[in-house]
Amino acid sequence: LEFLGRDYRVNRHSGVMEWKDKEGTLHEGDFNDVMTILDILCYSKEGAAPAGEYQVMHSLATLQGGTTFAGEGSFTRHEKLFDEHTEAFKQALEKIGGIPGGKGDVSRKIRIFKDLWVIVEFWRSDEDFLASLEFMADKKTLDYMHYETVWYMVGALIAQIREQMEKDGCSV
C-alpha cells in the first residue's frame, strides 16, 4: 500500500508495518503512519472517490463547537520552524512529491493515498501577522478515514517534511 509516497507492508512474521526507502532498506512505520493506514484499510467506504474539491481540514468535521476546532494551535511550533527555514520547507515539499497547488507563500499538493491528496498552504510571518500553516483536504476525505485519523495523517505528513528538511541539512 502506498502512503505519502512510500510503499508500506505488514510483516507477516512480526505484524509490524514497514516501509521501504529508495535504497531498499525497511523501516518501521511510526504511530501516525500505522493509524492512518489501518483506518484507510479498515474504514474506507466501498466506492470511495475523491471529489477534487478542497476545504480547510478542520471543517471536515460535522460537529464543531464555538470558535475553536480540534487541533487548534497544533501547528504553532511547525509554523515557527517553517517560517525560519522557508526555502528548506519548500524544497522538502517538492522532494517528497509535492506539486504546485494552493495558495500562500509556499503551497504544494501532496498525494496521500491513491487518488487522495492534501494541499499544504503556508504564509510567512510579517510585521502584522504570525506565520500560518494550513492543510486543505478533499471534501470526501472522511469517506476514507475517520475525522480523528485526519490528524494522524497530517502528523505523518509533517514528520516526513521535517525528516526531509533534516536530510537536507536543516536543523529541525
N, C-alpha and C. Protein backbone atom coordinates (compact mmCIF):
# COMPACT_ATOMS: atom_id res chain seq x y z
N LEU A 1 0.85 -1.18 0.00
CA LEU A 1 0.00 0.00 0.00
C LEU A 1 0.89 1.23 0.00
N GLU A 2 0.61 2.15 -0.91
CA GLU A 2 1.38 3.39 -0.93
C GLU A 2 0.70 4.43 -0.06
N PHE A 3 1.48 5.06 0.81
CA PHE A 3 1.00 6.13 1.68
C PHE A 3 2.08 7.19 1.74
N LEU A 4 1.73 8.41 1.37
CA LEU A 4 2.68 9.53 1.34
C LEU A 4 3.93 9.19 0.53
N GLY A 5 3.73 8.52 -0.60
CA GLY A 5 4.84 8.23 -1.50
C GLY A 5 5.75 7.10 -1.06
N ARG A 6 5.39 6.41 0.01
CA ARG A 6 6.19 5.29 0.49
C ARG A 6 5.39 4.00 0.35
N ASP A 7 6.08 2.93 -0.01
CA ASP A 7 5.43 1.62 -0.10
C ASP A 7 5.47 0.95 1.27
N TYR A 8 4.30 0.66 1.81
CA TYR A 8 4.19 0.01 3.12
C TYR A 8 3.76 -1.44 2.96
N ARG A 9 4.11 -2.22 3.95
CA ARG A 9 3.67 -3.61 4.02
C ARG A 9 3.54 -4.01 5.48
N VAL A 10 2.82 -5.07 5.73
CA VAL A 10 2.75 -5.63 7.06
C VAL A 10 3.62 -6.88 7.05
N ASN A 11 4.61 -6.92 7.92
CA ASN A 11 5.49 -8.07 8.04
C ASN A 11 4.67 -9.24 8.59
N ARG A 12 4.56 -10.31 7.81
CA ARG A 12 3.72 -11.44 8.20
C ARG A 12 4.22 -12.15 9.45
N HIS A 13 5.49 -12.03 9.75
CA HIS A 13 6.05 -12.74 10.91
C HIS A 13 5.94 -11.93 12.19
N SER A 14 6.17 -10.62 12.09
CA SER A 14 6.16 -9.79 13.29
C SER A 14 4.89 -8.96 13.45
N GLY A 15 4.15 -8.76 12.35
CA GLY A 15 2.96 -7.91 12.39
C GLY A 15 3.29 -6.43 12.32
N VAL A 16 4.57 -6.09 12.19
CA VAL A 16 5.00 -4.70 12.14
C VAL A 16 4.73 -4.11 10.75
N MET A 17 4.22 -2.88 10.74
CA MET A 17 4.02 -2.18 9.47
C MET A 17 5.35 -1.52 9.09
N GLU A 18 5.82 -1.79 7.88
CA GLU A 18 7.14 -1.32 7.45
C GLU A 18 7.03 -0.59 6.11
N TRP A 19 8.00 0.28 5.85
CA TRP A 19 8.11 0.94 4.56
C TRP A 19 9.54 0.82 4.08
N LYS A 20 9.68 0.85 2.77
CA LYS A 20 10.98 0.66 2.14
C LYS A 20 11.46 1.98 1.54
N ASP A 21 12.72 2.35 1.85
CA ASP A 21 13.27 3.57 1.26
C ASP A 21 13.84 3.27 -0.13
N LYS A 22 14.38 4.29 -0.77
CA LYS A 22 14.87 4.16 -2.15
C LYS A 22 16.02 3.17 -2.27
N GLU A 23 16.75 2.97 -1.18
CA GLU A 23 17.86 2.01 -1.18
C GLU A 23 17.40 0.59 -0.87
N GLY A 24 16.12 0.43 -0.55
CA GLY A 24 15.58 -0.89 -0.26
C GLY A 24 15.59 -1.27 1.21
N THR A 25 16.01 -0.35 2.07
CA THR A 25 16.06 -0.62 3.50
C THR A 25 14.66 -0.50 4.09
N LEU A 26 14.30 -1.46 4.93
CA LEU A 26 12.99 -1.43 5.59
C LEU A 26 13.05 -0.60 6.87
N HIS A 27 12.00 0.18 7.11
CA HIS A 27 11.87 0.99 8.31
C HIS A 27 10.51 0.72 8.93
N GLU A 28 10.45 0.74 10.24
CA GLU A 28 9.18 0.54 10.92
C GLU A 28 8.35 1.81 10.83
N GLY A 29 7.08 1.66 10.48
CA GLY A 29 6.17 2.81 10.43
C GLY A 29 5.94 3.34 11.83
N ASP A 30 5.76 4.66 11.94
CA ASP A 30 5.50 5.21 13.27
C ASP A 30 4.00 5.21 13.56
N PHE A 31 3.64 5.69 14.72
CA PHE A 31 2.25 5.66 15.17
C PHE A 31 1.29 6.30 14.16
N ASN A 32 1.63 7.50 13.68
CA ASN A 32 0.75 8.20 12.74
C ASN A 32 0.59 7.44 11.43
N ASP A 33 1.68 6.87 10.93
CA ASP A 33 1.61 6.07 9.70
C ASP A 33 0.66 4.89 9.90
N VAL A 34 0.91 4.14 10.95
CA VAL A 34 0.16 2.91 11.20
C VAL A 34 -1.33 3.20 11.40
N MET A 35 -1.65 4.19 12.22
CA MET A 35 -3.05 4.51 12.49
C MET A 35 -3.78 4.95 11.22
N THR A 36 -3.10 5.76 10.39
CA THR A 36 -3.74 6.23 9.16
C THR A 36 -3.97 5.08 8.19
N ILE A 37 -2.94 4.27 8.00
CA ILE A 37 -3.06 3.15 7.05
C ILE A 37 -4.13 2.16 7.51
N LEU A 38 -4.14 1.83 8.79
CA LEU A 38 -5.16 0.90 9.29
C LEU A 38 -6.56 1.45 9.07
N ASP A 39 -6.74 2.76 9.27
CA ASP A 39 -8.06 3.33 9.06
C ASP A 39 -8.44 3.32 7.58
N ILE A 40 -7.47 3.59 6.71
CA ILE A 40 -7.73 3.54 5.27
C ILE A 40 -8.14 2.12 4.87
N LEU A 41 -7.43 1.12 5.41
CA LEU A 41 -7.73 -0.27 5.06
C LEU A 41 -9.05 -0.76 5.66
N CYS A 42 -9.34 -0.34 6.88
CA CYS A 42 -10.49 -0.90 7.59
C CYS A 42 -11.75 -0.05 7.53
N TYR A 43 -11.63 1.24 7.22
CA TYR A 43 -12.78 2.13 7.29
C TYR A 43 -13.26 2.63 5.94
N SER A 44 -12.38 2.72 4.96
CA SER A 44 -12.77 3.32 3.67
C SER A 44 -14.09 2.74 3.18
N LYS A 45 -14.97 3.64 2.79
CA LYS A 45 -16.27 3.22 2.29
C LYS A 45 -16.11 2.60 0.91
N GLU A 46 -16.93 1.62 0.62
CA GLU A 46 -16.90 1.00 -0.70
C GLU A 46 -17.18 2.06 -1.76
N GLY A 47 -16.37 2.07 -2.78
CA GLY A 47 -16.54 3.03 -3.86
C GLY A 47 -16.09 4.45 -3.52
N ALA A 48 -15.33 4.61 -2.42
CA ALA A 48 -14.84 5.94 -2.04
C ALA A 48 -14.07 6.55 -3.20
N ALA A 49 -14.37 7.80 -3.49
CA ALA A 49 -13.70 8.52 -4.57
C ALA A 49 -13.57 9.98 -4.17
N PRO A 50 -12.41 10.56 -4.43
CA PRO A 50 -12.23 11.97 -4.08
C PRO A 50 -13.12 12.87 -4.93
N ALA A 51 -13.47 14.03 -4.38
CA ALA A 51 -14.32 14.99 -5.08
C ALA A 51 -13.48 15.94 -5.93
N GLY A 52 -12.21 16.10 -5.56
CA GLY A 52 -11.37 17.07 -6.26
C GLY A 52 -11.64 18.50 -5.82
N GLU A 53 -12.42 18.65 -4.76
CA GLU A 53 -12.71 19.96 -4.17
C GLU A 53 -12.11 19.96 -2.77
N TYR A 54 -11.44 21.05 -2.42
CA TYR A 54 -10.69 21.10 -1.16
C TYR A 54 -11.26 22.13 -0.21
N GLN A 55 -11.17 21.79 1.06
CA GLN A 55 -11.62 22.70 2.11
C GLN A 55 -10.66 22.61 3.28
N VAL A 56 -10.68 23.63 4.12
CA VAL A 56 -9.83 23.64 5.30
C VAL A 56 -10.08 22.36 6.08
N MET A 57 -9.02 21.69 6.46
CA MET A 57 -9.12 20.37 7.06
C MET A 57 -10.06 20.31 8.25
N HIS A 58 -9.97 21.26 9.15
CA HIS A 58 -10.81 21.18 10.35
C HIS A 58 -12.29 21.34 10.04
N SER A 59 -12.63 21.84 8.85
CA SER A 59 -14.05 21.99 8.52
C SER A 59 -14.67 20.68 8.01
N LEU A 60 -13.88 19.62 7.93
CA LEU A 60 -14.42 18.32 7.55
C LEU A 60 -15.36 17.78 8.62
N ALA A 61 -15.10 18.15 9.87
CA ALA A 61 -15.92 17.64 10.97
C ALA A 61 -17.33 18.16 10.84
N THR A 62 -18.27 17.30 11.14
CA THR A 62 -19.68 17.71 11.06
C THR A 62 -20.11 18.43 12.33
N LEU A 63 -19.34 18.26 13.41
CA LEU A 63 -19.69 18.90 14.67
C LEU A 63 -18.51 19.72 15.13
N GLN A 64 -18.71 21.01 15.26
CA GLN A 64 -17.68 21.91 15.76
C GLN A 64 -18.31 22.80 16.81
N GLY A 65 -17.55 23.06 17.85
CA GLY A 65 -18.10 23.88 18.92
C GLY A 65 -17.45 25.24 18.99
N GLY A 66 -18.24 26.24 19.19
CA GLY A 66 -17.75 27.59 19.41
C GLY A 66 -16.84 28.08 18.31
N THR A 67 -15.78 28.76 18.72
CA THR A 67 -14.85 29.32 17.75
C THR A 67 -13.57 28.52 17.66
N THR A 68 -13.50 27.39 18.35
CA THR A 68 -12.30 26.56 18.30
C THR A 68 -12.59 25.31 17.49
N PHE A 69 -11.52 24.62 17.13
CA PHE A 69 -11.68 23.37 16.40
C PHE A 69 -10.62 22.38 16.88
N ALA A 70 -10.86 21.11 16.62
CA ALA A 70 -9.90 20.08 17.00
C ALA A 70 -8.57 20.38 16.36
N GLY A 71 -7.53 20.33 17.14
CA GLY A 71 -6.19 20.55 16.60
C GLY A 71 -5.75 22.00 16.59
N GLU A 72 -6.60 22.91 17.07
CA GLU A 72 -6.24 24.33 17.05
C GLU A 72 -4.94 24.54 17.82
N GLY A 73 -4.01 25.25 17.23
CA GLY A 73 -2.72 25.51 17.86
C GLY A 73 -1.72 24.38 17.67
N SER A 74 -2.13 23.30 17.01
CA SER A 74 -1.26 22.14 16.83
C SER A 74 -0.04 22.44 15.96
N PHE A 75 -0.13 23.44 15.10
CA PHE A 75 0.92 23.67 14.13
C PHE A 75 1.88 24.79 14.53
N THR A 76 1.69 25.40 15.70
CA THR A 76 2.47 26.57 16.10
C THR A 76 3.97 26.34 16.01
N ARG A 77 4.46 25.23 16.56
CA ARG A 77 5.92 25.01 16.53
C ARG A 77 6.41 24.74 15.11
N HIS A 78 5.58 24.14 14.28
CA HIS A 78 5.96 23.89 12.89
C HIS A 78 5.95 25.19 12.10
N GLU A 79 4.97 26.05 12.38
CA GLU A 79 4.90 27.34 11.70
C GLU A 79 6.17 28.14 11.96
N LYS A 80 6.63 28.13 13.19
CA LYS A 80 7.86 28.85 13.55
C LYS A 80 9.06 28.28 12.78
N LEU A 81 9.19 26.97 12.77
CA LEU A 81 10.30 26.32 12.05
C LEU A 81 10.24 26.63 10.56
N PHE A 82 9.07 26.47 9.96
CA PHE A 82 8.93 26.68 8.52
C PHE A 82 9.12 28.16 8.16
N ASP A 83 8.78 29.05 9.08
CA ASP A 83 8.98 30.48 8.86
C ASP A 83 10.48 30.80 8.85
N GLU A 84 11.21 30.17 9.76
CA GLU A 84 12.66 30.41 9.85
C GLU A 84 13.42 29.74 8.71
N HIS A 85 12.86 28.69 8.14
CA HIS A 85 13.54 27.90 7.09
C HIS A 85 12.59 27.68 5.90
N THR A 86 12.04 28.75 5.39
CA THR A 86 11.02 28.65 4.35
C THR A 86 11.53 27.95 3.09
N GLU A 87 12.73 28.28 2.65
CA GLU A 87 13.25 27.66 1.43
C GLU A 87 13.47 26.15 1.63
N ALA A 88 13.98 25.76 2.80
CA ALA A 88 14.18 24.33 3.10
C ALA A 88 12.83 23.61 3.16
N PHE A 89 11.82 24.28 3.71
CA PHE A 89 10.47 23.73 3.77
C PHE A 89 9.93 23.51 2.36
N LYS A 90 10.07 24.50 1.52
CA LYS A 90 9.60 24.41 0.14
C LYS A 90 10.30 23.26 -0.60
N GLN A 91 11.61 23.17 -0.45
CA GLN A 91 12.37 22.10 -1.11
C GLN A 91 11.95 20.73 -0.59
N ALA A 92 11.71 20.63 0.72
CA ALA A 92 11.28 19.35 1.29
C ALA A 92 9.94 18.92 0.71
N LEU A 93 9.01 19.86 0.58
CA LEU A 93 7.71 19.53 -0.01
C LEU A 93 7.87 18.99 -1.43
N GLU A 94 8.76 19.60 -2.18
CA GLU A 94 9.00 19.15 -3.56
C GLU A 94 9.65 17.77 -3.58
N LYS A 95 10.61 17.54 -2.68
CA LYS A 95 11.32 16.26 -2.67
C LYS A 95 10.44 15.10 -2.23
N ILE A 96 9.40 15.38 -1.47
CA ILE A 96 8.50 14.29 -1.08
C ILE A 96 7.34 14.16 -2.05
N GLY A 97 7.45 14.82 -3.19
CA GLY A 97 6.48 14.62 -4.25
C GLY A 97 5.44 15.72 -4.42
N GLY A 98 5.60 16.83 -3.70
CA GLY A 98 4.64 17.91 -3.81
C GLY A 98 4.66 18.56 -5.19
N ILE A 99 3.49 18.86 -5.68
CA ILE A 99 3.37 19.55 -6.95
C ILE A 99 2.68 20.90 -6.69
N PRO A 100 2.87 21.88 -7.58
CA PRO A 100 2.24 23.18 -7.35
C PRO A 100 0.74 23.07 -7.16
N GLY A 101 0.23 23.83 -6.20
CA GLY A 101 -1.19 23.85 -5.92
C GLY A 101 -1.46 24.60 -4.64
N GLY A 102 -2.54 25.29 -4.58
CA GLY A 102 -2.92 26.01 -3.37
C GLY A 102 -2.48 27.46 -3.39
N LYS A 103 -2.61 28.07 -2.23
CA LYS A 103 -2.31 29.48 -2.05
C LYS A 103 -1.24 29.63 -0.98
N GLY A 104 -0.74 30.85 -0.82
CA GLY A 104 0.22 31.11 0.23
C GLY A 104 1.60 31.39 -0.33
N ASP A 105 2.53 31.67 0.57
CA ASP A 105 3.92 31.90 0.16
C ASP A 105 4.56 30.60 -0.33
N VAL A 106 4.17 29.50 0.28
CA VAL A 106 4.60 28.17 -0.14
C VAL A 106 3.36 27.29 -0.13
N SER A 107 3.10 26.62 -1.23
CA SER A 107 1.96 25.70 -1.26
C SER A 107 2.26 24.56 -2.22
N ARG A 108 1.88 23.37 -1.81
CA ARG A 108 2.07 22.20 -2.64
C ARG A 108 0.94 21.22 -2.39
N LYS A 109 0.62 20.48 -3.43
CA LYS A 109 -0.37 19.41 -3.36
C LYS A 109 0.41 18.11 -3.18
N ILE A 110 0.04 17.34 -2.16
CA ILE A 110 0.77 16.12 -1.79
C ILE A 110 -0.18 14.92 -1.89
N ARG A 111 0.29 13.86 -2.59
CA ARG A 111 -0.51 12.63 -2.66
C ARG A 111 -0.40 11.90 -1.32
N ILE A 112 -1.56 11.61 -0.77
CA ILE A 112 -1.63 10.89 0.50
C ILE A 112 -1.78 9.39 0.24
N PHE A 113 -2.77 9.07 -0.55
CA PHE A 113 -3.12 7.67 -0.79
C PHE A 113 -3.86 7.59 -2.12
N LYS A 114 -3.41 6.75 -2.99
CA LYS A 114 -4.08 6.51 -4.26
C LYS A 114 -4.41 7.83 -4.94
N ASP A 115 -5.68 8.19 -5.01
CA ASP A 115 -6.11 9.44 -5.65
C ASP A 115 -6.44 10.52 -4.64
N LEU A 116 -6.10 10.32 -3.38
CA LEU A 116 -6.43 11.27 -2.33
C LEU A 116 -5.25 12.19 -2.06
N TRP A 117 -5.49 13.49 -2.16
CA TRP A 117 -4.43 14.50 -2.00
C TRP A 117 -4.78 15.46 -0.87
N VAL A 118 -3.74 16.13 -0.37
CA VAL A 118 -3.89 17.22 0.60
C VAL A 118 -3.09 18.39 0.05
N ILE A 119 -3.60 19.59 0.25
CA ILE A 119 -2.86 20.79 -0.15
C ILE A 119 -2.31 21.44 1.11
N VAL A 120 -0.99 21.67 1.10
CA VAL A 120 -0.30 22.35 2.20
C VAL A 120 -0.16 23.81 1.79
N GLU A 121 -0.64 24.71 2.65
CA GLU A 121 -0.54 26.14 2.38
C GLU A 121 0.17 26.82 3.56
N PHE A 122 1.17 27.62 3.25
CA PHE A 122 1.96 28.28 4.29
C PHE A 122 2.16 29.75 3.94
N TRP A 123 1.90 30.59 4.94
CA TRP A 123 2.14 32.02 4.80
C TRP A 123 3.22 32.43 5.80
N ARG A 124 4.25 33.10 5.34
CA ARG A 124 5.32 33.59 6.21
C ARG A 124 4.78 34.70 7.11
N SER A 125 5.47 34.90 8.21
CA SER A 125 5.09 35.99 9.11
C SER A 125 5.54 37.32 8.51
N ASP A 126 4.90 38.39 8.97
CA ASP A 126 5.34 39.73 8.61
C ASP A 126 5.07 40.63 9.82
N GLU A 127 5.19 41.92 9.64
CA GLU A 127 5.03 42.83 10.78
C GLU A 127 3.61 42.81 11.35
N ASP A 128 2.64 42.33 10.61
CA ASP A 128 1.26 42.33 11.08
C ASP A 128 0.70 40.97 11.46
N PHE A 129 1.26 39.90 10.90
CA PHE A 129 0.69 38.57 11.11
C PHE A 129 1.77 37.54 11.45
N LEU A 130 1.36 36.57 12.26
CA LEU A 130 2.22 35.44 12.55
C LEU A 130 2.21 34.49 11.36
N ALA A 131 3.19 33.61 11.28
CA ALA A 131 3.21 32.59 10.23
C ALA A 131 1.97 31.72 10.38
N SER A 132 1.50 31.17 9.26
CA SER A 132 0.29 30.36 9.28
C SER A 132 0.46 29.15 8.37
N LEU A 133 0.14 27.98 8.91
CA LEU A 133 0.20 26.71 8.19
C LEU A 133 -1.20 26.14 8.14
N GLU A 134 -1.64 25.81 6.94
CA GLU A 134 -3.00 25.29 6.76
C GLU A 134 -2.96 24.06 5.87
N PHE A 135 -3.86 23.13 6.13
CA PHE A 135 -3.99 21.93 5.31
C PHE A 135 -5.39 21.90 4.73
N MET A 136 -5.44 21.74 3.42
CA MET A 136 -6.70 21.67 2.71
C MET A 136 -6.91 20.21 2.31
N ALA A 137 -8.04 19.65 2.71
CA ALA A 137 -8.32 18.24 2.44
C ALA A 137 -9.46 18.14 1.43
N ASP A 138 -9.42 17.07 0.64
CA ASP A 138 -10.53 16.78 -0.26
C ASP A 138 -11.80 16.66 0.57
N LYS A 139 -12.89 17.21 0.08
CA LYS A 139 -14.12 17.20 0.88
C LYS A 139 -14.66 15.79 1.11
N LYS A 140 -14.15 14.80 0.39
CA LYS A 140 -14.59 13.40 0.57
C LYS A 140 -13.59 12.59 1.41
N THR A 141 -12.66 13.26 2.06
CA THR A 141 -11.63 12.56 2.86
C THR A 141 -12.25 11.64 3.90
N LEU A 142 -13.38 12.04 4.48
CA LEU A 142 -13.99 11.22 5.52
C LEU A 142 -14.65 9.96 4.97
N ASP A 143 -14.65 9.79 3.66
CA ASP A 143 -15.06 8.51 3.07
C ASP A 143 -13.93 7.49 3.16
N TYR A 144 -12.72 7.97 3.46
CA TYR A 144 -11.54 7.12 3.55
C TYR A 144 -11.12 6.84 4.99
N MET A 145 -11.40 7.78 5.88
CA MET A 145 -10.91 7.66 7.26
C MET A 145 -11.80 8.48 8.19
N HIS A 146 -11.71 8.16 9.47
CA HIS A 146 -12.43 8.92 10.50
C HIS A 146 -11.81 10.32 10.62
N TYR A 147 -12.59 11.25 11.15
CA TYR A 147 -12.09 12.61 11.32
C TYR A 147 -10.83 12.65 12.18
N GLU A 148 -10.81 11.88 13.26
CA GLU A 148 -9.65 11.86 14.15
C GLU A 148 -8.40 11.40 13.40
N THR A 149 -8.57 10.50 12.46
CA THR A 149 -7.44 9.96 11.72
C THR A 149 -6.83 11.00 10.78
N VAL A 150 -7.63 11.97 10.37
CA VAL A 150 -7.10 13.05 9.52
C VAL A 150 -5.92 13.70 10.22
N TRP A 151 -6.00 13.83 11.54
CA TRP A 151 -4.91 14.45 12.30
C TRP A 151 -3.68 13.55 12.35
N TYR A 152 -3.87 12.23 12.39
CA TYR A 152 -2.73 11.31 12.30
C TYR A 152 -2.07 11.44 10.93
N MET A 153 -2.89 11.54 9.90
CA MET A 153 -2.40 11.68 8.53
C MET A 153 -1.53 12.94 8.42
N VAL A 154 -2.01 14.04 8.96
CA VAL A 154 -1.24 15.29 8.90
C VAL A 154 0.03 15.16 9.74
N GLY A 155 -0.06 14.48 10.86
CA GLY A 155 1.14 14.24 11.68
C GLY A 155 2.19 13.47 10.91
N ALA A 156 1.76 12.46 10.15
CA ALA A 156 2.69 11.67 9.33
C ALA A 156 3.30 12.55 8.24
N LEU A 157 2.50 13.41 7.64
CA LEU A 157 3.00 14.31 6.60
C LEU A 157 4.01 15.30 7.17
N ILE A 158 3.70 15.91 8.30
CA ILE A 158 4.64 16.86 8.92
C ILE A 158 5.93 16.15 9.30
N ALA A 159 5.85 14.94 9.83
CA ALA A 159 7.05 14.18 10.19
C ALA A 159 7.92 13.94 8.96
N GLN A 160 7.29 13.60 7.84
CA GLN A 160 8.04 13.35 6.62
C GLN A 160 8.69 14.64 6.09
N ILE A 161 8.00 15.75 6.19
CA ILE A 161 8.56 17.04 5.77
C ILE A 161 9.78 17.37 6.63
N ARG A 162 9.64 17.25 7.93
CA ARG A 162 10.74 17.56 8.85
C ARG A 162 11.92 16.61 8.62
N GLU A 163 11.63 15.34 8.38
CA GLU A 163 12.68 14.36 8.11
C GLU A 163 13.46 14.74 6.86
N GLN A 164 12.76 15.17 5.81
CA GLN A 164 13.41 15.58 4.59
C GLN A 164 14.25 16.85 4.81
N MET A 165 13.72 17.79 5.57
CA MET A 165 14.46 19.01 5.88
C MET A 165 15.76 18.67 6.61
N GLU A 166 15.68 17.74 7.52
CA GLU A 166 16.86 17.31 8.28
C GLU A 166 17.88 16.64 7.36
N LYS A 167 17.40 15.76 6.48
CA LYS A 167 18.29 15.10 5.50
C LYS A 167 19.02 16.13 4.65
N ASP A 168 18.33 17.25 4.37
CA ASP A 168 18.91 18.30 3.53
C ASP A 168 19.81 19.25 4.31
N GLY A 169 20.03 18.95 5.60
CA GLY A 169 20.96 19.74 6.40
C GLY A 169 20.35 20.86 7.22
N CYS A 170 19.04 20.92 7.26
CA CYS A 170 18.38 21.96 8.05
C CYS A 170 18.26 21.45 9.50
N SER A 171 18.60 22.29 10.45
CA SER A 171 18.48 21.87 11.86
C SER A 171 17.03 22.05 12.30
N VAL A 172 16.35 20.93 12.45
CA VAL A 172 14.94 20.96 12.85
C VAL A 172 14.85 20.61 14.30
